[in-house]
Amino acid sequence: MPVQRFGIFYAPPDAGVVRIHSAPHEWSPRQPRRSPTEKEAFEAAIAEAERFLQVEMDFV
């Protein structure tokens, strides 16, 4: 099953790339009327990004 993935990465100087957060959201392309659809998976990925960023902002 295909997966839409939201991720936040940090690239510190001279240290490569560090994965901070990543969350998968699956969808069912062969049966477009069945949930979750690609659109629903994309919206879920956006909601996850907003949730994660809001939690992180609480620490700032």
PDB file of N, CA and C in Angstrom:
ATOM      1  N   MET A   1       0.854  -1.182   0.000  1.00  0.00           N
ATOM      2  CA  MET A   1       0.000   0.000   0.000  1.00  0.00           C
ATOM      3  C   MET A   1       0.894   1.237   0.000  1.00  0.00           C
ATOM      4  N   PRO A   2       0.618   2.212  -0.877  1.00  0.00           N
ATOM      5  CA  PRO A   2       1.435   3.431  -0.929  1.00  0.00           C
ATOM      6  C   PRO A   2       1.372   4.208   0.379  1.00  0.00           C
ATOM      7  N   VAL A   3       2.422   4.951   0.599  1.00  0.00           N
ATOM      8  CA  VAL A   3       2.520   5.716   1.841  1.00  0.00           C
ATOM      9  C   VAL A   3       2.886   7.159   1.522  1.00  0.00           C
ATOM     10  N   GLN A   4       2.137   8.079   2.093  1.00  0.00           N
ATOM     11  CA  GLN A   4       2.469   9.500   2.063  1.00  0.00           C
ATOM     12  C   GLN A   4       3.222   9.735   3.364  1.00  0.00           C
ATOM     13  N   ARG A   5       4.372  10.377   3.313  1.00  0.00           N
ATOM     14  CA  ARG A   5       5.150  10.550   4.536  1.00  0.00           C
ATOM     15  C   ARG A   5       5.479  12.019   4.752  1.00  0.00           C
ATOM     16  N   PHE A   6       5.249  12.457   5.981  1.00  0.00           N
ATOM     17  CA  PHE A   6       5.655  13.793   6.384  1.00  0.00           C
ATOM     18  C   PHE A   6       6.949  13.655   7.169  1.00  0.00           C
ATOM     19  N   GLY A   7       7.917  14.506   6.925  1.00  0.00           N
ATOM     20  CA  GLY A   7       9.155  14.435   7.685  1.00  0.00           C
ATOM     21  C   GLY A   7       9.769  15.802   7.893  1.00  0.00           C
ATOM     22  N   ILE A   8      10.447  15.952   9.015  1.00  0.00           N
ATOM     23  CA  ILE A   8      11.227  17.157   9.296  1.00  0.00           C
ATOM     24  C   ILE A   8      12.668  16.706   9.493  1.00  0.00           C
ATOM     25  N   PHE A   9      13.573  17.373   8.789  1.00  0.00           N
ATOM     26  CA  PHE A   9      14.986  17.030   8.858  1.00  0.00           C
ATOM     27  C   PHE A   9      15.788  18.268   9.215  1.00  0.00           C
ATOM     28  N   TYR A  10      16.886  18.042   9.910  1.00  0.00           N
ATOM     29  CA  TYR A  10      17.785  19.129  10.305  1.00  0.00           C
ATOM     30  C   TYR A  10      19.155  18.835   9.720  1.00  0.00           C
ATOM     31  N   ALA A  11      19.772  19.856   9.112  1.00  0.00           N
ATOM     32  CA  ALA A  11      21.090  19.682   8.515  1.00  0.00           C
ATOM     33  C   ALA A  11      22.080  20.617   9.206  1.00  0.00           C
ATOM     34  N   PRO A  12      22.631  20.158  10.364  1.00  0.00           N
ATOM     35  CA  PRO A  12      23.602  21.007  11.058  1.00  0.00           C
ATOM     36  C   PRO A  12      24.886  21.128  10.240  1.00  0.00           C
ATOM     37  N   PRO A  13      25.609  22.223  10.408  1.00  0.00           N
ATOM     38  CA  PRO A  13      26.862  22.402   9.670  1.00  0.00           C
ATOM     39  C   PRO A  13      27.834  21.246   9.927  1.00  0.00           C
ATOM     40  N   ASP A  14      28.387  20.702   8.858  1.00  0.00           N
ATOM     41  CA  ASP A  14      29.413  19.647   8.935  1.00  0.00           C
ATOM     42  C   ASP A  14      28.953  18.386   9.665  1.00  0.00           C
ATOM     43  N   ALA A  15      27.628  18.100   9.669  1.00  0.00           N
ATOM     44  CA  ALA A  15      27.173  16.910  10.401  1.00  0.00           C
ATOM     45  C   ALA A  15      26.167  16.070   9.619  1.00  0.00           C
ATOM     46  N   GLY A  16      26.003  16.334   8.323  1.00  0.00           N
ATOM     47  CA  GLY A  16      25.059  15.541   7.550  1.00  0.00           C
ATOM     48  C   GLY A  16      23.622  15.967   7.799  1.00  0.00           C
ATOM     49  N   VAL A  17      22.705  14.998   7.721  1.00  0.00           N
ATOM     50  CA  VAL A  17      21.274  15.277   7.897  1.00  0.00           C
ATOM     51  C   VAL A  17      20.738  14.428   9.042  1.00  0.00           C
ATOM     52  N   VAL A  18      19.969  15.044   9.924  1.00  0.00           N
ATOM     53  CA  VAL A  18      19.387  14.354  11.072  1.00  0.00           C
ATOM     54  C   VAL A  18      17.869  14.345  10.914  1.00  0.00           C
ATOM     55  N   ARG A  19      17.265  13.150  10.990  1.00  0.00           N
ATOM     56  CA  ARG A  19      15.809  13.077  10.929  1.00  0.00           C
ATOM     57  C   ARG A  19      15.252  13.453  12.302  1.00  0.00           C
ATOM     58  N   ILE A  20      14.398  14.460  12.336  1.00  0.00           N
ATOM     59  CA  ILE A  20      13.808  14.932  13.584  1.00  0.00           C
ATOM     60  C   ILE A  20      12.479  14.227  13.837  1.00  0.00           C
ATOM     61  N   HIS A  21      11.659  14.108  12.790  1.00  0.00           N
ATOM     62  CA  HIS A  21      10.326  13.517  12.935  1.00  0.00           C
ATOM     63  C   HIS A  21       9.873  12.996  11.584  1.00  0.00           C
ATOM     64  N   SER A  22       9.190  11.866  11.582  1.00  0.00           N
ATOM     65  CA  SER A  22       8.667  11.298  10.352  1.00  0.00           C
ATOM     66  C   SER A  22       7.419  10.496  10.691  1.00  0.00           C
ATOM     67  N   ALA A  23       6.358  10.652   9.887  1.00  0.00           N
ATOM     68  CA  ALA A  23       5.114   9.939  10.148  1.00  0.00           C
ATOM     69  C   ALA A  23       4.477   9.493   8.832  1.00  0.00           C
ATOM     70  N   PRO A  24       4.180   8.186   8.675  1.00  0.00           N
ATOM     71  CA  PRO A  24       3.572   7.682   7.449  1.00  0.00           C
ATOM     72  C   PRO A  24       2.046   7.789   7.477  1.00  0.00           C
ATOM     73  N   HIS A  25       1.463   7.951   6.298  1.00  0.00           N
ATOM     74  CA  HIS A  25       0.005   7.982   6.142  1.00  0.00           C
ATOM     75  C   HIS A  25      -0.324   7.197   4.883  1.00  0.00           C
ATOM     76  N   GLU A  26      -0.897   5.987   5.023  1.00  0.00           N
ATOM     77  CA  GLU A  26      -1.172   5.120   3.885  1.00  0.00           C
ATOM     78  C   GLU A  26      -2.450   5.517   3.164  1.00  0.00           C
ATOM     79  N   TRP A  27      -2.530   5.151   1.868  1.00  0.00           N
ATOM     80  CA  TRP A  27      -3.764   5.341   1.117  1.00  0.00           C
ATOM     81  C   TRP A  27      -3.964   4.173   0.168  1.00  0.00           C
ATOM     82  N   SER A  28      -5.175   4.063  -0.401  1.00  0.00           N
ATOM     83  CA  SER A  28      -5.574   2.927  -1.226  1.00  0.00           C
ATOM     84  C   SER A  28      -5.869   3.377  -2.662  1.00  0.00           C
ATOM     85  N   PRO A  29      -4.869   3.392  -3.560  1.00  0.00           N
ATOM     86  CA  PRO A  29      -5.084   3.922  -4.901  1.00  0.00           C
ATOM     87  C   PRO A  29      -5.945   3.025  -5.799  1.00  0.00           C
ATOM     88  N   ARG A  30      -5.998   1.726  -5.548  1.00  0.00           N
ATOM     89  CA  ARG A  30      -6.771   0.825  -6.417  1.00  0.00           C
ATOM     90  C   ARG A  30      -8.270   0.938  -6.173  1.00  0.00           C
ATOM     91  N   GLN A  31      -8.646   1.434  -5.016  1.00  0.00           N
ATOM     92  CA  GLN A  31     -10.058   1.627  -4.689  1.00  0.00           C
ATOM     93  C   GLN A  31     -10.221   3.065  -4.198  1.00  0.00           C
ATOM     94  N   PRO A  32     -10.281   4.019  -5.143  1.00  0.00           N
ATOM     95  CA  PRO A  32     -10.241   5.432  -4.765  1.00  0.00           C
ATOM     96  C   PRO A  32     -11.375   5.901  -3.864  1.00  0.00           C
ATOM     97  N   ARG A  33     -12.479   5.161  -3.790  1.00  0.00           N
ATOM     98  CA  ARG A  33     -13.579   5.591  -2.927  1.00  0.00           C
ATOM     99  C   ARG A  33     -13.397   5.083  -1.494  1.00  0.00           C
ATOM    100  N   ARG A  34     -12.420   4.186  -1.310  1.00  0.00           N
ATOM    101  CA  ARG A  34     -12.190   3.620   0.021  1.00  0.00           C
ATOM    102  C   ARG A  34     -11.227   4.501   0.817  1.00  0.00           C
ATOM    103  N   SER A  35     -11.490   4.692   2.098  1.00  0.00           N
ATOM    104  CA  SER A  35     -10.601   5.492   2.949  1.00  0.00           C
ATOM    105  C   SER A  35      -9.436   4.639   3.421  1.00  0.00           C
ATOM    106  N   PRO A  36      -8.270   5.197   3.628  1.00  0.00           N
ATOM    107  CA  PRO A  36      -7.962   6.584   3.300  1.00  0.00           C
ATOM    108  C   PRO A  36      -7.599   6.729   1.815  1.00  0.00           C
ATOM    109  N   THR A  37      -8.049   7.791   1.207  1.00  0.00           N
ATOM    110  CA  THR A  37      -7.678   8.094  -0.167  1.00  0.00           C
ATOM    111  C   THR A  37      -6.348   8.850  -0.153  1.00  0.00           C
ATOM    112  N   GLU A  38      -5.773   9.095  -1.314  1.00  0.00           N
ATOM    113  CA  GLU A  38      -4.521   9.849  -1.395  1.00  0.00           C
ATOM    114  C   GLU A  38      -4.719  11.255  -0.818  1.00  0.00           C
ATOM    115  N   LYS A  39      -5.867  11.868  -1.115  1.00  0.00           N
ATOM    116  CA  LYS A  39      -6.160  13.212  -0.585  1.00  0.00           C
ATOM    117  C   LYS A  39      -6.249  13.173   0.939  1.00  0.00           C
ATOM    118  N   GLU A  40      -6.927  12.163   1.483  1.00  0.00           N
ATOM    119  CA  GLU A  40      -7.044  12.052   2.942  1.00  0.00           C
ATOM    120  C   GLU A  40      -5.682  11.810   3.577  1.00  0.00           C
ATOM    121  N   ALA A  41      -4.830  11.007   2.916  1.00  0.00           N
ATOM    122  CA  ALA A  41      -3.492  10.749   3.440  1.00  0.00           C
ATOM    123  C   ALA A  41      -2.663  12.029   3.430  1.00  0.00           C
ATOM    124  N   PHE A  42      -2.788  12.818   2.354  1.00  0.00           N
ATOM    125  CA  PHE A  42      -2.059  14.083   2.282  1.00  0.00           C
ATOM    126  C   PHE A  42      -2.531  15.031   3.383  1.00  0.00           C
ATOM    127  N   GLU A  43      -3.858  15.129   3.572  1.00  0.00           N
ATOM    128  CA  GLU A  43      -4.397  15.985   4.623  1.00  0.00           C
ATOM    129  C   GLU A  43      -3.958  15.507   6.006  1.00  0.00           C
ATOM    130  N   ALA A  44      -3.873  14.185   6.197  1.00  0.00           N
ATOM    131  CA  ALA A  44      -3.403  13.644   7.478  1.00  0.00           C
ATOM    132  C   ALA A  44      -1.937  13.989   7.696  1.00  0.00           C
ATOM    133  N   ALA A  45      -1.132  13.967   6.615  1.00  0.00           N
ATOM    134  CA  ALA A  45       0.283  14.327   6.733  1.00  0.00           C
ATOM    135  C   ALA A  45       0.418  15.802   7.107  1.00  0.00           C
ATOM    136  N   ILE A  46      -0.407  16.657   6.521  1.00  0.00           N
ATOM    137  CA  ILE A  46      -0.377  18.090   6.861  1.00  0.00           C
ATOM    138  C   ILE A  46      -0.791  18.291   8.320  1.00  0.00           C
ATOM    139  N   ALA A  47      -1.846  17.590   8.746  1.00  0.00           N
ATOM    140  CA  ALA A  47      -2.301  17.699  10.143  1.00  0.00           C
ATOM    141  C   ALA A  47      -1.202  17.241  11.095  1.00  0.00           C
ATOM    142  N   GLU A  48      -0.471  16.177  10.729  1.00  0.00           N
ATOM    143  CA  GLU A  48       0.630  15.681  11.565  1.00  0.00           C
ATOM    144  C   GLU A  48       1.740  16.724  11.634  1.00  0.00           C
ATOM    145  N   ALA A  49       2.050  17.363  10.516  1.00  0.00           N
ATOM    146  CA  ALA A  49       3.080  18.404  10.502  1.00  0.00           C
ATOM    147  C   ALA A  49       2.683  19.556  11.414  1.00  0.00           C
ATOM    148  N   GLU A  50       1.419  19.977  11.305  1.00  0.00           N
ATOM    149  CA  GLU A  50       0.951  21.074  12.148  1.00  0.00           C
ATOM    150  C   GLU A  50       0.998  20.693  13.624  1.00  0.00           C
ATOM    151  N   ARG A  51       0.576  19.457  13.948  1.00  0.00           N
ATOM    152  CA  ARG A  51       0.592  18.991  15.338  1.00  0.00           C
ATOM    153  C   ARG A  51       2.024  18.973  15.871  1.00  0.00           C
ATOM    154  N   PHE A  52       2.944  18.409  15.094  1.00  0.00           N
ATOM    155  CA  PHE A  52       4.331  18.310  15.527  1.00  0.00           C
ATOM    156  C   PHE A  52       4.946  19.695  15.732  1.00  0.00           C
ATOM    157  N   LEU A  53       4.721  20.593  14.772  1.00  0.00           N
ATOM    158  CA  LEU A  53       5.299  21.924  14.888  1.00  0.00           C
ATOM    159  C   LEU A  53       4.712  22.698  16.058  1.00  0.00           C
ATOM    160  N   GLN A  54       3.424  22.507  16.344  1.00  0.00           N
ATOM    161  CA  GLN A  54       2.804  23.184  17.493  1.00  0.00           C
ATOM    162  C   GLN A  54       3.420  22.687  18.799  1.00  0.00           C
ATOM    163  N   VAL A  55       3.622  21.380  18.901  1.00  0.00           N
ATOM    164  CA  VAL A  55       4.254  20.820  20.106  1.00  0.00           C
ATOM    165  C   VAL A  55       5.650  21.365  20.268  1.00  0.00           C
ATOM    166  N   GLU A  56       6.408  21.432  19.161  1.00  0.00           N
ATOM    167  CA  GLU A  56       7.774  21.949  19.216  1.00  0.00           C
ATOM    168  C   GLU A  56       7.786  23.431  19.617  1.00  0.00           C
ATOM    169  N   MET A  57       6.811  24.198  19.145  1.00  0.00           N
ATOM    170  CA  MET A  57       6.765  25.622  19.481  1.00  0.00           C
ATOM    171  C   MET A  57       6.501  25.836  20.974  1.00  0.00           C
ATOM    172  N   ASP A  58       5.859  24.873  21.608  1.00  0.00           N
ATOM    173  CA  ASP A  58       5.603  24.984  23.052  1.00  0.00           C
ATOM    174  C   ASP A  58       6.903  24.960  23.858  1.00  0.00           C
ATOM    175  N   PHE A  59       7.984  24.426  23.258  1.00  0.00           N
ATOM    176  CA  PHE A  59       9.274  24.368  23.940  1.00  0.00           C
ATOM    177  C   PHE A  59      10.123  25.599  23.700  1.00  0.00           C
ATOM    178  N   VAL A  60       9.712  26.452  22.767  1.00  0.00           N
ATOM    179  CA  VAL A  60      10.519  27.636  22.416  1.00  0.00           C
ATOM    180  C   VAL A  60      10.248  28.772  23.372  1.00  0.00           C
TER     181      VAL A  60
END
